Amino acid sequence: HKELYHIGASLKDLGKKWFAFSRMDSLVNELLKRIK
């Protein structure tokens, strides 16, 4: 059960990182549109 918990925790962490990254990406796109 411990291994399963670790996998779930790392997946959750990965999800948070991906969410933050995707938000940053859309932010960058918006800035680029405004510059152009």
N, C-alpha and C. Protein backbone atom coordinates (compact mmCIF):
# COMPACT_ATOMS: atom_id res chain seq x y z
N HIS A 1 0.83 -1.21 0.00
CA HIS A 1 0.00 0.00 0.00
C HIS A 1 0.87 1.26 0.00
N LYS A 2 2.03 1.17 0.62
CA LYS A 2 2.92 2.34 0.67
C LYS A 2 3.36 2.74 -0.73
N GLU A 3 3.70 1.75 -1.55
CA GLU A 3 4.15 2.04 -2.91
C GLU A 3 3.05 2.75 -3.69
N LEU A 4 1.83 2.25 -3.55
CA LEU A 4 0.69 2.86 -4.24
C LEU A 4 0.53 4.32 -3.79
N TYR A 5 0.70 4.55 -2.50
CA TYR A 5 0.56 5.91 -1.97
C TYR A 5 1.61 6.83 -2.58
N HIS A 6 2.85 6.32 -2.68
CA HIS A 6 3.94 7.12 -3.23
C HIS A 6 3.67 7.47 -4.69
N ILE A 7 3.16 6.49 -5.44
CA ILE A 7 2.84 6.72 -6.85
C ILE A 7 1.76 7.79 -6.96
N GLY A 8 0.75 7.69 -6.12
CA GLY A 8 -0.34 8.67 -6.14
C GLY A 8 0.16 10.06 -5.78
N ALA A 9 1.05 10.14 -4.79
CA ALA A 9 1.58 11.42 -4.36
C ALA A 9 2.42 12.06 -5.47
N SER A 10 3.25 11.26 -6.13
CA SER A 10 4.09 11.80 -7.19
C SER A 10 3.25 12.22 -8.39
N LEU A 11 2.17 11.46 -8.65
CA LEU A 11 1.27 11.83 -9.75
C LEU A 11 0.58 13.16 -9.44
N LYS A 12 0.18 13.34 -8.18
CA LYS A 12 -0.47 14.58 -7.77
C LYS A 12 0.50 15.75 -7.92
N ASP A 13 1.76 15.52 -7.52
CA ASP A 13 2.80 16.54 -7.63
C ASP A 13 3.02 16.90 -9.10
N LEU A 14 3.07 15.87 -9.94
CA LEU A 14 3.26 16.07 -11.38
C LEU A 14 2.10 16.88 -11.95
N GLY A 15 0.90 16.59 -11.50
CA GLY A 15 -0.28 17.31 -11.96
C GLY A 15 -0.21 18.79 -11.59
N LYS A 16 0.24 19.06 -10.36
CA LYS A 16 0.37 20.45 -9.92
C LYS A 16 1.39 21.19 -10.78
N LYS A 17 2.53 20.53 -11.04
CA LYS A 17 3.58 21.15 -11.86
C LYS A 17 3.07 21.41 -13.27
N TRP A 18 2.38 20.42 -13.85
CA TRP A 18 1.87 20.58 -15.21
C TRP A 18 0.84 21.70 -15.26
N PHE A 19 -0.01 21.79 -14.24
CA PHE A 19 -1.03 22.84 -14.19
C PHE A 19 -0.38 24.22 -14.13
N ALA A 20 0.63 24.36 -13.28
CA ALA A 20 1.34 25.63 -13.16
C ALA A 20 2.03 25.97 -14.48
N PHE A 21 2.63 24.96 -15.12
CA PHE A 21 3.34 25.18 -16.38
C PHE A 21 2.38 25.60 -17.48
N SER A 22 1.23 24.94 -17.57
CA SER A 22 0.26 25.27 -18.62
C SER A 22 -0.29 26.68 -18.41
N ARG A 23 -0.45 27.08 -17.15
CA ARG A 23 -0.93 28.44 -16.87
C ARG A 23 0.13 29.46 -17.28
N MET A 24 1.39 29.16 -16.99
CA MET A 24 2.50 30.03 -17.40
C MET A 24 2.53 30.15 -18.91
N ASP A 25 2.32 29.03 -19.59
CA ASP A 25 2.37 29.00 -21.05
C ASP A 25 1.30 29.91 -21.64
N SER A 26 0.09 29.84 -21.12
CA SER A 26 -0.99 30.69 -21.65
C SER A 26 -0.72 32.15 -21.32
N LEU A 27 -0.09 32.41 -20.17
CA LEU A 27 0.27 33.77 -19.79
C LEU A 27 1.28 34.34 -20.77
N VAL A 28 2.28 33.54 -21.12
CA VAL A 28 3.31 33.96 -22.08
C VAL A 28 2.68 34.25 -23.43
N ASN A 29 1.76 33.40 -23.86
CA ASN A 29 1.08 33.60 -25.15
C ASN A 29 0.31 34.92 -25.15
N GLU A 30 -0.36 35.23 -24.04
CA GLU A 30 -1.11 36.48 -23.95
C GLU A 30 -0.17 37.68 -24.04
N LEU A 31 0.96 37.60 -23.35
CA LEU A 31 1.94 38.69 -23.39
C LEU A 31 2.48 38.89 -24.80
N LEU A 32 2.78 37.78 -25.49
CA LEU A 32 3.30 37.87 -26.85
C LEU A 32 2.27 38.51 -27.78
N LYS A 33 1.02 38.19 -27.60
CA LYS A 33 -0.04 38.79 -28.43
C LYS A 33 -0.09 40.30 -28.22
N ARG A 34 0.05 40.73 -26.97
CA ARG A 34 -0.02 42.16 -26.66
C ARG A 34 1.18 42.90 -27.23
N ILE A 35 2.36 42.26 -27.20
CA ILE A 35 3.57 42.89 -27.73
C ILE A 35 3.43 43.10 -29.23
N LYS A 36 2.91 42.10 -29.92
CA LYS A 36 2.69 42.21 -31.36
C LYS A 36 1.50 43.11 -31.59
